[in-house]
Amino acid sequence: MPTETVFVTLHIHTDGPIPGPHSLLTLSSAAHGDGGLISTFTTNVRELPGATVHPVSLQHWRARAEDWLTTRRASRPPALATDAYLRWIEKLPGEPTLVTDPVGPEHLFVYWYPPGPPTRTDHV
C-alpha cells in the first residue's frame, strides 16, 4: 500500500530578509492529507544574539505593534523551536512534502536554522 503524501505548508515571520543578521520570529505549519487538515504547528522563536531588526522590517512591525508582541510571547530558543518542529513533522502520517513560496524567505530561514541539542543556556 503506497504511503499517503502529507503536504506541509509553511509560514514564517521574521525581522529581516535573511537569517543570521536577522531572526526568525514565528514558525507555523499546517499538514494536509487526502482527508483535509491533519495537524498544525506554531512556535515563536527568540531572536539570535547580535541580530538586529532590518529598517524595512522595523517600519512594517511599527505599523503592526500588537502582531509584533504576539510573535514575542512564549518564544523559545532557536534550537528548541526547530527541534520541536522536526519532531512534529516526524509524527505526521505519511510522507511529508514541504509547500512554500519559492521566492519568499521561508525555505531560506528553515534551512539556515538547523535543530540542535539544547545547551545549558537554552531554557524553555
C-alpha atoms as a PDB file:
ATOM      1  CA  MET A   1       0.000   0.000   0.000  1.00  0.00           C
ATOM      2  CA  PRO A   2       1.532   3.351  -1.027  1.00  0.00           C
ATOM      3  CA  THR A   3       2.219   5.922   1.660  1.00  0.00           C
ATOM      4  CA  GLU A   4      -0.043   8.970   1.650  1.00  0.00           C
ATOM      5  CA  THR A   5       1.653  12.264   0.792  1.00  0.00           C
ATOM      6  CA  VAL A   6       1.178  14.858   3.518  1.00  0.00           C
ATOM      7  CA  PHE A   7       1.531  18.428   2.283  1.00  0.00           C
ATOM      8  CA  VAL A   8       3.077  20.704   4.894  1.00  0.00           C
ATOM      9  CA  THR A   9       2.504  24.402   4.296  1.00  0.00           C
ATOM     10  CA  LEU A  10       4.949  26.815   5.869  1.00  0.00           C
ATOM     11  CA  HIS A  11       4.559  30.402   7.060  1.00  0.00           C
ATOM     12  CA  ILE A  12       7.105  32.482   8.978  1.00  0.00           C
ATOM     13  CA  HIS A  13       7.530  35.913  10.482  1.00  0.00           C
ATOM     14  CA  THR A  14      10.996  37.471  10.551  1.00  0.00           C
ATOM     15  CA  ASP A  15      12.646  40.738  11.456  1.00  0.00           C
ATOM     16  CA  GLY A  16      14.654  40.977   8.244  1.00  0.00           C
ATOM     17  CA  PRO A  17      15.183  39.480   4.793  1.00  0.00           C
ATOM     18  CA  ILE A  18      17.940  36.963   5.581  1.00  0.00           C
ATOM     19  CA  PRO A  19      18.822  34.758   8.564  1.00  0.00           C
ATOM     20  CA  GLY A  20      21.906  35.496  10.625  1.00  0.00           C
ATOM     21  CA  PRO A  21      21.870  39.267  10.689  1.00  0.00           C
ATOM     22  CA  HIS A  22      18.110  38.948  11.252  1.00  0.00           C
ATOM     23  CA  SER A  23      15.954  36.471  13.149  1.00  0.00           C
ATOM     24  CA  LEU A  24      13.124  34.047  12.588  1.00  0.00           C
ATOM     25  CA  LEU A  25      10.323  35.164  14.917  1.00  0.00           C
ATOM     26  CA  THR A  26       7.478  32.719  14.255  1.00  0.00           C
ATOM     27  CA  LEU A  27       7.346  29.346  12.508  1.00  0.00           C
ATOM     28  CA  SER A  28       3.911  27.972  11.567  1.00  0.00           C
ATOM     29  CA  SER A  29       2.825  25.000   9.502  1.00  0.00           C
ATOM     30  CA  ALA A  30      -0.302  23.086   8.628  1.00  0.00           C
ATOM     31  CA  ALA A  31      -0.287  19.466   7.445  1.00  0.00           C
ATOM     32  CA  HIS A  32      -2.900  18.418   4.884  1.00  0.00           C
ATOM     33  CA  GLY A  33      -3.690  14.957   3.570  1.00  0.00           C
ATOM     34  CA  ASP A  34      -6.333  13.485   1.298  1.00  0.00           C
ATOM     35  CA  GLY A  35      -8.931  13.967   4.026  1.00  0.00           C
ATOM     36  CA  GLY A  36      -8.066  17.599   4.702  1.00  0.00           C
ATOM     37  CA  LEU A  37      -6.281  19.199   7.642  1.00  0.00           C
ATOM     38  CA  ILE A  38      -4.303  16.734   9.762  1.00  0.00           C
ATOM     39  CA  SER A  39      -2.457  18.932  12.238  1.00  0.00           C
ATOM     40  CA  THR A  40      -0.966  22.393  12.827  1.00  0.00           C
ATOM     41  CA  PHE A  41       2.231  23.652  14.459  1.00  0.00           C
ATOM     42  CA  THR A  42       3.217  27.115  15.654  1.00  0.00           C
ATOM     43  CA  THR A  43       6.118  28.336  17.745  1.00  0.00           C
ATOM     44  CA  ASN A  44       7.661  31.702  18.447  1.00  0.00           C
ATOM     45  CA  VAL A  45      11.446  31.829  18.252  1.00  0.00           C
ATOM     46  CA  ARG A  46      13.815  34.002  20.281  1.00  0.00           C
ATOM     47  CA  GLU A  47      15.966  36.493  18.419  1.00  0.00           C
ATOM     48  CA  LEU A  48      19.506  35.458  17.571  1.00  0.00           C
ATOM     49  CA  PRO A  49      22.224  37.004  19.748  1.00  0.00           C
ATOM     50  CA  GLY A  50      23.574  40.077  17.963  1.00  0.00           C
ATOM     51  CA  ALA A  51      20.871  40.071  15.286  1.00  0.00           C
ATOM     52  CA  THR A  52      19.119  43.339  14.504  1.00  0.00           C
ATOM     53  CA  VAL A  53      15.795  44.377  13.027  1.00  0.00           C
ATOM     54  CA  HIS A  54      16.135  45.405   9.374  1.00  0.00           C
ATOM     55  CA  PRO A  55      14.961  49.028   8.786  1.00  0.00           C
ATOM     56  CA  VAL A  56      12.207  47.951   6.361  1.00  0.00           C
ATOM     57  CA  SER A  57      11.003  45.290   8.785  1.00  0.00           C
ATOM     58  CA  LEU A  58      11.093  47.820  11.598  1.00  0.00           C
ATOM     59  CA  GLN A  59       8.680  50.056   9.686  1.00  0.00           C
ATOM     60  CA  HIS A  60       6.447  47.065   8.995  1.00  0.00           C
ATOM     61  CA  TRP A  61       6.375  45.968  12.644  1.00  0.00           C
ATOM     62  CA  ARG A  62       5.815  49.524  13.924  1.00  0.00           C
ATOM     63  CA  ALA A  63       2.579  49.554  11.948  1.00  0.00           C
ATOM     64  CA  ARG A  64       1.610  46.190  13.498  1.00  0.00           C
ATOM     65  CA  ALA A  65       2.762  46.549  17.110  1.00  0.00           C
ATOM     66  CA  GLU A  66       0.232  44.062  18.507  1.00  0.00           C
ATOM     67  CA  ASP A  67       1.329  41.448  15.958  1.00  0.00           C
ATOM     68  CA  TRP A  68       4.968  42.059  16.971  1.00  0.00           C
ATOM     69  CA  LEU A  69       4.065  41.446  20.614  1.00  0.00           C
ATOM     70  CA  THR A  70       2.288  38.229  19.639  1.00  0.00           C
ATOM     71  CA  THR A  71       5.487  36.938  17.995  1.00  0.00           C
ATOM     72  CA  ARG A  72       7.420  37.561  21.208  1.00  0.00           C
ATOM     73  CA  ARG A  73       5.085  35.713  23.592  1.00  0.00           C
ATOM     74  CA  ALA A  74       6.412  32.385  24.863  1.00  0.00           C
ATOM     75  CA  SER A  75       9.340  32.473  22.429  1.00  0.00           C
ATOM     76  CA  ARG A  76      11.723  29.539  22.527  1.00  0.00           C
ATOM     77  CA  PRO A  77      15.452  29.281  21.851  1.00  0.00           C
ATOM     78  CA  PRO A  78      16.047  28.574  18.144  1.00  0.00           C
ATOM     79  CA  ALA A  79      17.416  25.047  18.643  1.00  0.00           C
ATOM     80  CA  LEU A  80      14.475  24.015  20.807  1.00  0.00           C
ATOM     81  CA  ALA A  81      11.942  25.554  18.414  1.00  0.00           C
ATOM     82  CA  THR A  82      13.356  23.857  15.317  1.00  0.00           C
ATOM     83  CA  ASP A  83      13.765  20.550  17.140  1.00  0.00           C
ATOM     84  CA  ALA A  84      10.086  20.683  18.176  1.00  0.00           C
ATOM     85  CA  TYR A  85       9.169  21.424  14.559  1.00  0.00           C
ATOM     86  CA  LEU A  86      11.089  18.397  13.278  1.00  0.00           C
ATOM     87  CA  ARG A  87       9.511  16.156  15.931  1.00  0.00           C
ATOM     88  CA  TRP A  88       6.057  17.404  14.815  1.00  0.00           C
ATOM     89  CA  ILE A  89       6.887  16.578  11.171  1.00  0.00           C
ATOM     90  CA  GLU A  90       8.211  13.123  12.118  1.00  0.00           C
ATOM     91  CA  LYS A  91       4.913  12.283  13.856  1.00  0.00           C
ATOM     92  CA  LEU A  92       2.812  13.062  10.783  1.00  0.00           C
ATOM     93  CA  PRO A  93       1.287  10.084   8.978  1.00  0.00           C
ATOM     94  CA  GLY A  94       2.658   9.519   5.515  1.00  0.00           C
ATOM     95  CA  GLU A  95       5.434  11.190   3.572  1.00  0.00           C
ATOM     96  CA  PRO A  96       5.774  14.946   4.287  1.00  0.00           C
ATOM     97  CA  THR A  97       6.212  17.305   1.348  1.00  0.00           C
ATOM     98  CA  LEU A  98       7.025  20.951   2.098  1.00  0.00           C
ATOM     99  CA  VAL A  99       4.908  23.509   0.259  1.00  0.00           C
ATOM    100  CA  THR A 100       6.106  27.118   0.335  1.00  0.00           C
ATOM    101  CA  ASP A 101       6.540  30.199  -1.816  1.00  0.00           C
ATOM    102  CA  PRO A 102       9.761  29.612  -3.808  1.00  0.00           C
ATOM    103  CA  VAL A 103      10.603  33.331  -3.893  1.00  0.00           C
ATOM    104  CA  GLY A 104       9.764  34.002  -0.234  1.00  0.00           C
ATOM    105  CA  PRO A 105      12.258  33.714   2.617  1.00  0.00           C
ATOM    106  CA  GLU A 106      10.607  30.676   4.252  1.00  0.00           C
ATOM    107  CA  HIS A 107      12.863  27.976   2.834  1.00  0.00           C
ATOM    108  CA  LEU A 108      15.976  30.092   3.476  1.00  0.00           C
ATOM    109  CA  PHE A 109      15.181  30.588   7.157  1.00  0.00           C
ATOM    110  CA  VAL A 110      14.122  26.977   7.750  1.00  0.00           C
ATOM    111  CA  TYR A 111      17.281  25.707   6.029  1.00  0.00           C
ATOM    112  CA  TRP A 112      19.506  28.108   7.973  1.00  0.00           C
ATOM    113  CA  TYR A 113      18.028  27.314  11.412  1.00  0.00           C
ATOM    114  CA  PRO A 114      19.148  23.721  11.979  1.00  0.00           C
ATOM    115  CA  PRO A 115      17.926  21.880  15.053  1.00  0.00           C
ATOM    116  CA  GLY A 116      20.424  21.180  17.727  1.00  0.00           C
ATOM    117  CA  PRO A 117      20.695  19.689  21.158  1.00  0.00           C
ATOM    118  CA  PRO A 118      19.707  22.023  23.973  1.00  0.00           C
ATOM    119  CA  THR A 119      22.615  23.776  25.656  1.00  0.00           C
ATOM    120  CA  ARG A 120      22.922  24.931  29.228  1.00  0.00           C
ATOM    121  CA  THR A 121      21.745  28.407  28.117  1.00  0.00           C
ATOM    122  CA  ASP A 122      18.601  27.092  26.401  1.00  0.00           C
ATOM    123  CA  HIS A 123      15.572  27.320  28.640  1.00  0.00           C
ATOM    124  CA  VAL A 124      12.007  26.544  27.655  1.00  0.00           C
END
